[in-house]
Amino acid sequence: MERVISYVDGFNLYFGLKSKDWRRYYWLNIQLLVQNLLKPNQRLLLTKYFTSRVTLSPDKQRRQSTFIEALETLSDFQISYGKYQLNPRQCRNCGFQDKVPNEKMTDVNIAVEMLKDAYQDKFDIALLISADSDLVPPVKAVRELFPNKQIITAFPPNRRSADLANSVNKTLIIRRRTIAKSLFPKEVKKQDGYILRCPSSWK
């Protein structure tokens, strides 16, 4: 059996779903999604999910917190957090200035984890769910340093990167039917018995 570790760019996946207006699929069991992408001769050891906490909208904060709590019920599942950075923006027409949040550190965190796991011989296949071309350098580094290991990229809906596709061993496309069969049940029970429910706006 080929050992697989998955590295999931949470916001790249989320914005892919959002671009298709697939709100009904936000309540996504990431671990099950990864399992549904594997071949019979591949065994998933661990999924590493990379995200940042939403800060500006209380409603979005609540929905994200509920989703993350659901993810925390999964076994062999690890969450790593980046951060939001407020960057200045100016309107070209009127000169109005404000600040917009940009998610930071996800690509760096993925790169560090993938290189570390390759060095420690923890996987035969790294399954990367992202279309972020910033990940090309670490992908190339892993392939150069560990030529016996494979990196497969699964592109989220409406997300592609030719540079990333040309850097990995193989690419997959995450299709709607795969996502549709990878959802959490409407209610998820935590270890303490608390019931998490899919946010009403995601149904």
Protein backbone atom coordinates (compact mmCIF):
# COMPACT_ATOMS: atom_id res chain seq x y z
CA MET A 1 0.00 0.00 0.00
CA GLU A 2 1.21 3.48 -0.85
CA ARG A 3 1.29 5.82 2.14
CA VAL A 4 -0.50 9.13 1.58
CA ILE A 5 -0.47 12.39 3.50
CA SER A 6 -2.83 15.09 2.26
CA TYR A 7 -2.16 18.83 2.47
CA VAL A 8 -5.31 20.91 2.08
CA ASP A 9 -5.27 24.63 1.33
CA GLY A 10 -8.52 25.48 3.10
CA PHE A 11 -9.18 28.88 1.57
CA ASN A 12 -8.22 27.81 -1.95
CA LEU A 13 -10.77 25.01 -1.65
CA TYR A 14 -13.38 27.30 -0.08
CA PHE A 15 -13.07 29.99 -2.75
CA GLY A 16 -13.28 27.33 -5.43
CA LEU A 17 -16.61 26.19 -3.99
CA LYS A 18 -17.73 29.81 -3.60
CA SER A 19 -16.90 30.65 -7.22
CA LYS A 20 -19.32 27.90 -8.29
CA ASP A 21 -21.95 29.10 -5.82
CA TRP A 22 -21.82 25.66 -4.16
CA ARG A 23 -22.78 26.90 -0.71
CA ARG A 24 -24.58 23.61 -0.03
CA TYR A 25 -21.18 21.90 -0.09
CA TYR A 26 -19.45 24.10 2.50
CA TRP A 27 -20.30 21.54 5.22
CA LEU A 28 -17.56 19.38 3.77
CA ASN A 29 -15.91 16.44 5.50
CA ILE A 30 -12.38 17.12 4.29
CA GLN A 31 -11.10 13.73 5.43
CA LEU A 32 -13.83 11.94 3.47
CA LEU A 33 -13.15 14.11 0.42
CA VAL A 34 -9.51 13.05 0.48
CA GLN A 35 -10.48 9.39 0.92
CA ASN A 36 -12.76 9.66 -2.09
CA LEU A 37 -9.83 10.87 -4.22
CA LEU A 38 -7.61 7.89 -3.42
CA LYS A 39 -7.07 4.68 -5.34
CA PRO A 40 -7.60 1.25 -3.70
CA ASN A 41 -3.83 0.73 -3.33
CA GLN A 42 -3.40 4.02 -1.44
CA ARG A 43 -3.76 4.41 2.33
CA LEU A 44 -4.39 7.79 3.94
CA LEU A 45 -2.25 8.26 7.04
CA LEU A 46 -3.01 11.88 7.86
CA THR A 47 -4.73 14.96 6.49
CA LYS A 48 -3.21 18.35 7.23
CA TYR A 49 -5.65 21.22 6.81
CA PHE A 50 -4.38 24.80 6.56
CA THR A 51 -6.59 27.80 7.23
CA SER A 52 -6.86 31.11 9.10
CA ARG A 53 -9.48 32.34 11.52
CA VAL A 54 -11.93 34.84 10.02
CA THR A 55 -11.89 38.05 12.05
CA LEU A 56 -14.06 40.80 10.53
CA SER A 57 -17.56 39.29 10.37
CA PRO A 58 -19.17 37.82 13.52
CA ASP A 59 -21.54 35.69 11.42
CA LYS A 60 -18.69 34.28 9.34
CA GLN A 61 -16.71 33.70 12.53
CA ARG A 62 -19.54 31.62 13.99
CA ARG A 63 -19.98 29.56 10.84
CA GLN A 64 -16.26 28.95 10.51
CA SER A 65 -15.94 28.02 14.19
CA THR A 66 -18.75 25.48 13.85
CA PHE A 67 -17.09 24.01 10.76
CA ILE A 68 -13.68 23.81 12.43
CA GLU A 69 -15.21 22.12 15.48
CA ALA A 70 -16.73 19.54 13.12
CA LEU A 71 -13.32 18.99 11.53
CA GLU A 72 -11.80 18.54 14.98
CA THR A 73 -13.98 15.45 15.49
CA LEU A 74 -12.10 13.66 12.68
CA SER A 75 -9.34 11.18 13.42
CA ASP A 76 -5.91 11.47 11.78
CA PHE A 77 -6.66 15.10 11.01
CA GLN A 78 -4.48 18.09 11.86
CA ILE A 79 -5.31 21.81 11.55
CA SER A 80 -2.63 24.48 11.11
CA TYR A 81 -3.44 28.18 11.29
CA GLY A 82 -2.07 31.12 9.37
CA LYS A 83 -3.28 34.67 9.90
CA TYR A 84 -5.05 37.56 8.24
CA GLN A 85 -3.11 40.73 7.45
CA LEU A 86 -4.87 44.02 6.72
CA ASN A 87 -3.46 45.59 3.56
CA PRO A 88 -4.26 49.17 2.43
CA ARG A 89 -6.45 49.69 -0.63
CA GLN A 90 -7.31 52.93 -2.42
CA CYS A 91 -10.15 53.61 -4.84
CA ARG A 92 -8.77 54.87 -8.16
CA ASN A 93 -11.86 56.97 -8.82
CA CYS A 94 -12.52 58.75 -5.54
CA GLY A 95 -9.32 58.22 -3.57
CA PHE A 96 -11.11 56.55 -0.64
CA GLN A 97 -8.76 54.40 1.41
CA ASP A 98 -9.54 51.35 3.50
CA LYS A 99 -7.93 48.07 4.45
CA VAL A 100 -8.74 44.62 3.15
CA PRO A 101 -7.81 41.31 4.83
CA ASN A 102 -5.40 38.98 3.04
CA GLU A 103 -4.75 35.47 4.27
CA LYS A 104 -1.08 34.82 5.01
CA MET A 105 1.24 31.91 5.81
CA THR A 106 -0.78 29.03 4.37
CA ASP A 107 1.65 28.43 1.50
CA VAL A 108 4.64 28.67 3.85
CA ASN A 109 3.04 26.29 6.36
CA ILE A 110 2.22 23.75 3.64
CA ALA A 111 5.76 23.98 2.27
CA VAL A 112 7.34 23.41 5.69
CA GLU A 113 5.10 20.45 6.53
CA MET A 114 5.53 18.77 3.16
CA LEU A 115 9.33 19.10 3.20
CA LYS A 116 9.52 17.93 6.81
CA ASP A 117 7.33 14.89 6.15
CA ALA A 118 9.32 13.99 3.03
CA TYR A 119 12.60 14.25 4.94
CA GLN A 120 11.21 12.02 7.71
CA ASP A 121 9.92 9.53 5.11
CA LYS A 122 6.33 9.76 6.30
CA PHE A 123 4.68 9.40 2.89
CA ASP A 124 5.05 7.84 -0.52
CA ILE A 125 2.51 10.23 -2.02
CA ALA A 126 1.75 13.81 -1.03
CA LEU A 127 -1.77 14.74 -2.12
CA LEU A 128 -1.98 18.52 -2.37
CA ILE A 129 -5.40 20.15 -2.61
CA SER A 130 -4.65 23.62 -3.93
CA ALA A 131 -4.08 25.61 -7.10
CA ASP A 132 -1.69 28.11 -5.51
CA SER A 133 1.33 28.58 -7.78
CA ASP A 134 3.33 29.81 -4.76
CA LEU A 135 3.65 26.12 -3.89
CA VAL A 136 5.71 25.36 -7.01
CA PRO A 137 9.12 25.89 -5.31
CA PRO A 138 8.52 23.46 -2.40
CA VAL A 139 6.97 20.92 -4.76
CA LYS A 140 10.04 21.08 -6.99
CA ALA A 141 12.30 20.80 -3.95
CA VAL A 142 10.56 17.65 -2.72
CA ARG A 143 10.71 16.05 -6.15
CA GLU A 144 14.39 16.93 -6.57
CA LEU A 145 15.47 15.79 -3.10
CA PHE A 146 13.18 12.73 -2.92
CA PRO A 147 12.71 11.44 -6.49
CA ASN A 148 11.01 8.25 -5.29
CA LYS A 149 8.14 10.22 -3.77
CA GLN A 150 5.16 11.45 -5.76
CA ILE A 151 3.22 14.67 -5.46
CA ILE A 152 -0.32 14.73 -6.79
CA THR A 153 -2.28 17.97 -6.97
CA ALA A 154 -6.07 17.91 -6.81
CA PHE A 155 -7.41 21.20 -8.15
CA PRO A 156 -10.47 22.65 -6.38
CA PRO A 157 -13.48 23.65 -8.52
CA ASN A 158 -12.71 26.59 -10.85
CA ARG A 159 -9.08 26.59 -9.71
CA ARG A 160 -6.13 25.75 -11.97
CA SER A 161 -2.43 26.51 -12.14
CA ALA A 162 -0.42 25.50 -15.19
CA ASP A 163 2.83 26.10 -13.30
CA LEU A 164 1.75 23.83 -10.46
CA ALA A 165 0.42 21.21 -12.88
CA ASN A 166 3.79 21.14 -14.64
CA SER A 167 5.63 20.70 -11.34
CA VAL A 168 3.82 17.65 -9.92
CA ASN A 169 3.68 14.00 -10.94
CA LYS A 170 -0.04 14.00 -11.60
CA THR A 171 -3.10 16.25 -11.39
CA LEU A 172 -6.69 15.53 -10.46
CA ILE A 173 -9.81 17.66 -10.70
CA ILE A 174 -12.18 17.66 -7.74
CA ARG A 175 -15.57 17.21 -9.36
CA ARG A 176 -19.00 18.00 -8.05
CA ARG A 177 -20.04 14.37 -7.65
CA THR A 178 -17.00 13.70 -5.45
CA ILE A 179 -17.77 16.71 -3.27
CA ALA A 180 -21.46 15.82 -3.03
CA LYS A 181 -20.67 12.42 -1.50
CA SER A 182 -18.12 13.87 0.95
CA LEU A 183 -20.35 15.96 3.22
CA PHE A 184 -20.77 15.75 6.96
CA PRO A 185 -24.19 14.61 8.20
CA LYS A 186 -26.38 17.57 9.12
CA GLU A 187 -25.54 16.94 12.79
CA VAL A 188 -22.07 16.07 14.09
CA LYS A 189 -21.58 14.91 17.68
CA LYS A 190 -18.48 16.08 19.54
CA GLN A 191 -16.69 13.87 22.06
CA ASP A 192 -18.42 15.67 24.95
CA GLY A 193 -21.84 14.95 23.41
CA TYR A 194 -22.44 18.47 22.08
CA ILE A 195 -24.23 18.48 18.73
CA LEU A 196 -22.86 20.65 15.93
CA ARG A 197 -25.33 21.56 13.21
CA CYS A 198 -24.71 22.64 9.66
CA PRO A 199 -25.21 26.44 9.45
CA SER A 200 -28.65 27.19 8.04
CA SER A 201 -27.23 29.39 5.25
CA TRP A 202 -25.20 26.43 3.98
CA LYS A 203 -28.19 24.18 3.36
